[in-house]
Amino acid sequence: MAREPRVPRFLAALPAPVRWLALPLALSCTVVVLLGSWGAPAKIEVPTPTGRAATYCQALAAALPQELLGHARKDPSPASPYVAAWASSPRVVLRCGVERPEQLNGEHAKDISPTIDGVTWWSEKLDDGGYRLTTTLRGANVELTVPGGSFANPLDPVAALNGLVKANVP
């Protein structure tokens, strides 16, 4: 003898067509909420260097690796020789030819910045716990954004790319 499935009391009070649609509707709403929460990746502003800075940035772009510390390169669209990104979830972004950070003209001008093998990086702590590091005293400003949680040490990507920056952006 087949046993009839039990219907929870709150569903039993509803008309049959509503009960039949309750589960598919709940699943559909869950999928919509999940897809909506992922959202589109943040838009990356593409710098527009000119003159020698543009030449240095193009040389750097040609030298950048397809993999950074085990993370594949996934540049944003549309492609630009001034922006590179690696899928480290969240992704690490390098922008070449950016403007000098405003903070360097104010009270932070005398802050101590790490120098790695002759390249000085000014660091700025981000709201997500990551860092934005920008080279100083170079032919073009190179900015590396390392979001919180992408690497155990936010200077790891800087150290990995430092030699390429030094060789291509005097």
Protein backbone atom coordinates (compact mmCIF):
# COMPACT_ATOMS: atom_id res chain seq x y z
CA MET A 1 0.00 0.00 0.00
CA ALA A 2 1.46 3.30 -1.09
CA ARG A 3 1.74 5.90 1.57
CA GLU A 4 0.47 9.36 0.74
CA PRO A 5 3.13 12.07 1.23
CA ARG A 6 2.58 14.41 4.14
CA VAL A 7 2.16 18.05 3.32
CA PRO A 8 3.28 20.61 5.93
CA ARG A 9 0.33 22.37 7.57
CA PHE A 10 1.21 25.81 6.22
CA LEU A 11 1.15 24.39 2.68
CA ALA A 12 -1.98 22.26 3.24
CA ALA A 13 -4.00 25.42 3.81
CA LEU A 14 -3.07 26.69 0.34
CA PRO A 15 -4.92 25.70 -2.84
CA ALA A 16 -3.33 22.82 -4.81
CA PRO A 17 -1.96 24.94 -7.71
CA VAL A 18 -0.14 27.20 -5.25
CA ARG A 19 1.35 24.19 -3.44
CA TRP A 20 2.59 22.75 -6.73
CA LEU A 21 4.34 25.99 -7.63
CA ALA A 22 5.84 26.70 -4.18
CA LEU A 23 9.02 24.64 -4.59
CA PRO A 24 9.85 25.68 -8.18
CA LEU A 25 9.19 29.32 -7.27
CA ALA A 26 11.43 29.13 -4.20
CA LEU A 27 14.24 27.53 -6.22
CA SER A 28 13.91 30.13 -8.98
CA CYS A 29 14.07 32.98 -6.47
CA THR A 30 17.17 31.45 -4.88
CA VAL A 31 18.94 31.24 -8.25
CA VAL A 32 18.03 34.86 -9.07
CA VAL A 33 19.35 36.07 -5.71
CA LEU A 34 22.60 34.12 -6.10
CA LEU A 35 23.20 35.36 -9.63
CA GLY A 36 22.39 38.93 -8.64
CA SER A 37 24.78 38.85 -5.69
CA TRP A 38 27.75 37.91 -7.86
CA GLY A 39 27.38 41.09 -9.88
CA ALA A 40 29.66 42.37 -12.57
CA PRO A 41 33.33 42.87 -11.84
CA ALA A 42 34.36 46.37 -10.91
CA LYS A 43 35.13 48.59 -13.87
CA ILE A 44 38.83 49.32 -14.24
CA GLU A 45 39.76 52.81 -15.34
CA VAL A 46 42.29 52.64 -18.18
CA PRO A 47 45.08 55.22 -17.92
CA THR A 48 46.15 57.21 -20.99
CA PRO A 49 49.86 57.91 -20.72
CA THR A 50 51.60 59.94 -23.42
CA GLY A 51 55.13 60.31 -24.75
CA ARG A 52 57.86 58.31 -23.07
CA ALA A 53 55.53 57.09 -20.34
CA ALA A 54 53.37 55.38 -22.99
CA THR A 55 56.46 53.78 -24.54
CA TYR A 56 57.63 52.49 -21.13
CA CYS A 57 54.16 51.12 -20.36
CA GLN A 58 53.95 49.31 -23.70
CA ALA A 59 57.35 47.71 -23.07
CA LEU A 60 56.20 46.64 -19.59
CA ALA A 61 52.96 45.21 -21.02
CA ALA A 62 54.93 43.07 -23.48
CA ALA A 63 57.09 41.72 -20.65
CA LEU A 64 54.31 40.89 -18.15
CA PRO A 65 53.81 37.18 -17.38
CA GLN A 66 50.76 35.12 -18.33
CA GLU A 67 50.79 33.72 -14.79
CA LEU A 68 51.42 35.55 -11.51
CA LEU A 69 52.23 33.36 -8.51
CA GLY A 70 50.04 30.54 -9.82
CA HIS A 71 47.18 32.75 -11.07
CA ALA A 72 46.37 33.00 -14.78
CA ARG A 73 46.29 36.35 -16.49
CA LYS A 74 42.76 37.55 -17.29
CA ASP A 75 42.89 41.07 -18.65
CA PRO A 76 39.71 43.16 -18.58
CA SER A 77 37.82 43.87 -21.76
CA PRO A 78 38.47 45.87 -23.88
CA ALA A 79 42.17 45.03 -23.90
CA SER A 80 44.67 47.80 -23.24
CA PRO A 81 48.47 47.82 -23.13
CA TYR A 82 48.16 49.87 -19.93
CA VAL A 83 46.13 47.38 -17.84
CA ALA A 84 46.80 43.77 -16.84
CA ALA A 85 44.97 41.54 -14.36
CA TRP A 86 45.49 38.13 -12.85
CA ALA A 87 42.60 35.97 -11.62
CA SER A 88 43.52 35.60 -7.97
CA SER A 89 39.91 35.94 -6.81
CA PRO A 90 39.70 38.81 -6.19
CA ARG A 91 41.96 39.78 -9.02
CA VAL A 92 45.22 41.65 -8.85
CA VAL A 93 45.32 44.60 -11.29
CA LEU A 94 48.34 46.41 -12.71
CA ARG A 95 47.83 49.80 -14.37
CA CYS A 96 50.71 51.63 -16.03
CA GLY A 97 50.76 55.34 -16.75
CA VAL A 98 48.53 56.38 -13.86
CA GLU A 99 48.68 59.89 -12.40
CA ARG A 100 50.83 60.54 -9.36
CA PRO A 101 48.69 59.82 -6.27
CA GLU A 102 47.34 63.05 -4.74
CA GLN A 103 48.25 61.81 -1.26
CA LEU A 104 51.96 62.07 -2.12
CA ASN A 105 51.60 65.84 -2.38
CA GLY A 106 50.18 66.22 1.13
CA GLU A 107 50.84 64.88 4.58
CA HIS A 108 51.87 61.45 3.25
CA ALA A 109 54.73 62.86 1.15
CA LYS A 110 57.26 61.86 3.83
CA ASP A 111 55.79 58.43 4.61
CA ILE A 112 58.27 55.59 4.41
CA SER A 113 57.73 53.49 1.30
CA PRO A 114 59.24 50.05 0.72
CA THR A 115 62.07 49.93 -1.82
CA ILE A 116 62.59 46.59 -3.50
CA ASP A 117 65.77 46.22 -5.56
CA GLY A 118 65.84 49.92 -6.42
CA VAL A 119 62.10 50.39 -7.08
CA THR A 120 60.19 52.41 -4.49
CA TRP A 121 56.50 51.55 -4.00
CA TRP A 122 54.20 53.93 -2.13
CA SER A 123 51.46 51.93 -0.40
CA GLU A 124 47.89 52.82 0.41
CA LYS A 125 45.66 50.59 2.55
CA LEU A 126 42.26 49.86 0.93
CA ASP A 127 38.89 49.44 2.64
CA ASP A 128 38.82 45.70 1.78
CA GLY A 129 42.07 45.08 3.66
CA GLY A 130 44.18 45.07 0.51
CA TYR A 131 46.71 47.55 -0.79
CA ARG A 132 47.25 49.85 -3.73
CA LEU A 133 50.96 50.22 -4.42
CA THR A 134 52.31 52.85 -6.82
CA THR A 135 55.87 53.29 -8.00
CA THR A 136 57.54 56.62 -7.39
CA LEU A 137 60.42 58.36 -9.14
CA ARG A 138 60.04 56.36 -12.39
CA GLY A 139 59.45 57.39 -16.03
CA ALA A 140 55.82 56.23 -15.67
CA ASN A 141 53.79 55.52 -12.55
CA VAL A 142 52.88 51.85 -12.20
CA GLU A 143 50.01 50.98 -9.87
CA LEU A 144 49.38 47.50 -8.50
CA THR A 145 46.13 46.84 -6.66
CA VAL A 146 46.29 43.78 -4.41
CA PRO A 147 42.82 43.17 -2.87
CA GLY A 148 42.53 41.78 0.64
CA GLY A 149 42.57 37.99 0.68
CA SER A 150 44.13 37.56 -2.75
CA PHE A 151 47.56 36.71 -1.26
CA ALA A 152 48.80 35.99 2.24
CA ASN A 153 51.33 38.81 1.88
CA PRO A 154 50.25 41.77 -0.29
CA LEU A 155 53.88 42.42 -1.27
CA ASP A 156 54.25 38.99 -2.93
CA PRO A 157 52.88 40.21 -6.31
CA VAL A 158 54.99 43.37 -6.00
CA ALA A 159 58.13 41.29 -5.49
CA ALA A 160 57.20 39.04 -8.43
CA LEU A 161 56.71 42.01 -10.82
CA ASN A 162 59.37 44.35 -9.44
CA GLY A 163 62.16 43.18 -11.77
CA LEU A 164 59.97 43.70 -14.84
CA VAL A 165 59.02 47.20 -13.70
CA LYS A 166 62.68 48.06 -13.05
CA ALA A 167 63.78 46.73 -16.45
CA ASN A 168 61.05 48.44 -18.50
CA VAL A 169 60.17 51.66 -16.66
CA PRO A 170 63.38 53.58 -15.82
